[in-house]
N, C-alpha and C. Protein backbone atom coordinates (compact mmCIF):
# COMPACT_ATOMS: atom_id res chain seq x y z
N UNK A 1 9.87 31.13 -1.24
CA UNK A 1 8.08 31.17 -1.50
C UNK A 1 7.74 29.90 -2.66
N UNK A 2 6.60 29.83 -2.69
CA UNK A 2 6.06 29.19 -4.23
C UNK A 2 4.70 29.52 -4.77
N UNK A 3 4.91 29.88 -6.06
CA UNK A 3 3.95 30.34 -6.56
C UNK A 3 3.36 29.29 -7.31
N UNK A 4 2.31 28.89 -7.26
CA UNK A 4 1.62 27.89 -8.37
C UNK A 4 0.47 28.71 -9.18
N UNK A 5 0.83 28.69 -10.45
CA UNK A 5 -0.04 29.75 -11.44
C UNK A 5 -1.10 28.66 -12.34
N UNK A 6 -2.49 28.74 -11.60
CA UNK A 6 -3.24 28.06 -12.38
C UNK A 6 -4.27 28.77 -13.48
N UNK A 7 -4.64 28.34 -14.98
CA UNK A 7 -5.38 28.89 -16.01
C UNK A 7 -6.63 28.00 -16.02
N UNK A 8 -7.09 27.62 -15.33
CA UNK A 8 -8.06 26.89 -14.94
C UNK A 8 -8.96 27.46 -13.46
N UNK A 9 -9.66 27.08 -12.71
CA UNK A 9 -10.93 27.33 -11.72
C UNK A 9 -9.88 26.35 -11.01
N UNK A 10 -9.57 26.90 -9.48
CA UNK A 10 -8.25 26.30 -8.15
C UNK A 10 -9.90 25.01 -7.74
N UNK A 11 -9.38 24.26 -7.25
CA UNK A 11 -9.76 23.01 -6.79
C UNK A 11 -9.20 23.05 -5.38
N UNK A 12 -10.38 22.24 -4.22
CA UNK A 12 -9.08 22.33 -3.48
C UNK A 12 -8.16 21.55 -3.21
N UNK A 13 -8.07 20.12 -4.36
CA UNK A 13 -6.76 19.55 -4.54
C UNK A 13 -5.78 20.15 -4.96
N UNK A 14 -5.88 21.50 -5.87
CA UNK A 14 -4.69 22.77 -5.49
C UNK A 14 -3.81 23.32 -4.00
N UNK A 15 -4.86 23.33 -3.42
CA UNK A 15 -4.69 23.76 -2.03
C UNK A 15 -3.92 22.60 -1.62
N UNK A 16 -4.43 21.26 -1.42
CA UNK A 16 -3.58 20.73 -0.96
C UNK A 16 -2.13 19.78 -1.06
N UNK A 17 -2.36 20.23 -2.89
CA UNK A 17 -1.01 20.11 -3.01
C UNK A 17 0.22 20.94 -2.73
N UNK A 18 -0.54 22.60 -2.33
CA UNK A 18 0.76 23.34 -2.38
C UNK A 18 1.18 22.96 -0.90
N UNK A 19 0.17 22.77 0.24
CA UNK A 19 0.38 22.25 1.38
C UNK A 19 1.21 21.37 1.78
N UNK A 20 1.03 20.37 0.78
CA UNK A 20 2.38 19.19 0.86
C UNK A 20 3.50 19.61 0.36
N UNK A 21 3.70 20.17 -0.68
CA UNK A 21 5.04 20.99 -0.93
C UNK A 21 5.60 21.85 0.17
N UNK A 22 4.73 22.54 0.71
CA UNK A 22 5.38 23.45 1.85
C UNK A 22 5.73 22.82 3.03
N UNK A 23 4.94 21.75 3.19
CA UNK A 23 5.20 20.65 4.59
C UNK A 23 6.69 20.04 4.50
N UNK A 24 6.68 19.82 2.96
CA UNK A 24 7.78 18.76 2.57
C UNK A 24 9.17 19.82 3.00
N UNK A 25 8.87 20.74 2.15
CA UNK A 25 9.94 21.88 2.38
C UNK A 25 10.43 22.42 3.51
N UNK A 26 9.25 22.46 4.42
CA UNK A 26 9.85 23.09 5.71
C UNK A 26 10.34 22.21 6.57
N UNK A 27 9.82 20.38 6.31
CA UNK A 27 10.99 19.74 6.83
C UNK A 27 11.80 19.31 6.71
N UNK A 28 11.98 19.48 5.17
CA UNK A 28 13.33 18.56 4.71
C UNK A 28 14.22 19.71 4.11
N UNK A 29 13.71 20.58 3.90
CA UNK A 29 15.02 21.58 3.19
C UNK A 29 15.38 22.69 4.09
N UNK A 30 14.67 23.32 4.76
CA UNK A 30 14.81 24.64 5.42
C UNK A 30 15.67 24.14 6.47
N UNK A 31 16.33 25.06 6.74
CA UNK A 31 17.38 24.86 7.51
C UNK A 31 16.54 25.57 9.21
N UNK A 32 16.92 25.23 10.31
CA UNK A 32 16.44 25.91 11.38
C UNK A 32 16.16 27.46 11.69
N UNK A 33 17.04 28.00 11.27
CA UNK A 33 17.62 29.73 11.46
C UNK A 33 16.67 30.22 10.38
N UNK A 34 15.80 29.44 9.22
CA UNK A 34 14.85 30.16 8.08
C UNK A 34 13.31 29.62 8.63
N UNK A 35 13.08 31.22 8.11
CA UNK A 35 11.23 30.96 8.36
C UNK A 35 10.75 30.01 7.44
N UNK A 36 9.32 29.78 7.72
CA UNK A 36 8.79 28.71 7.35
C UNK A 36 8.24 29.32 5.70
N UNK A 37 8.21 28.28 4.69
CA UNK A 37 7.99 29.00 3.40
C UNK A 37 6.76 29.52 3.30
N UNK A 38 6.42 30.45 2.36
CA UNK A 38 4.88 30.73 1.81
C UNK A 38 4.91 29.90 0.60
N UNK A 39 3.32 29.97 0.32
CA UNK A 39 2.87 29.85 -0.86
C UNK A 39 2.01 30.41 -1.26
N UNK A 40 1.58 30.42 -2.66
CA UNK A 40 0.65 31.26 -2.87
C UNK A 40 0.21 30.70 -4.27
N UNK A 41 -1.68 30.05 -4.69
CA UNK A 41 -1.79 29.95 -5.83
C UNK A 41 -2.74 31.15 -6.39
N UNK A 42 -2.36 31.19 -7.52
CA UNK A 42 -3.15 32.26 -8.58
C UNK A 42 -4.19 31.91 -9.52
N UNK A 43 -4.94 32.74 -9.96
CA UNK A 43 -5.40 32.06 -11.27
C UNK A 43 -5.52 33.06 -12.27
N UNK A 44 -4.94 32.65 -13.27
CA UNK A 44 -5.45 34.20 -14.02
C UNK A 44 -6.86 34.08 -14.87
């Protein structure tokens, strides 16, 4: 699970970055038996 905590307004680039991190992790770090990673972008 990835959590990105923002102190400013979220923009589409933030979502794109999270998607990039999730895709990388799913393809390079996860084993075949693990479920796909989950990402959450929070704004304070």
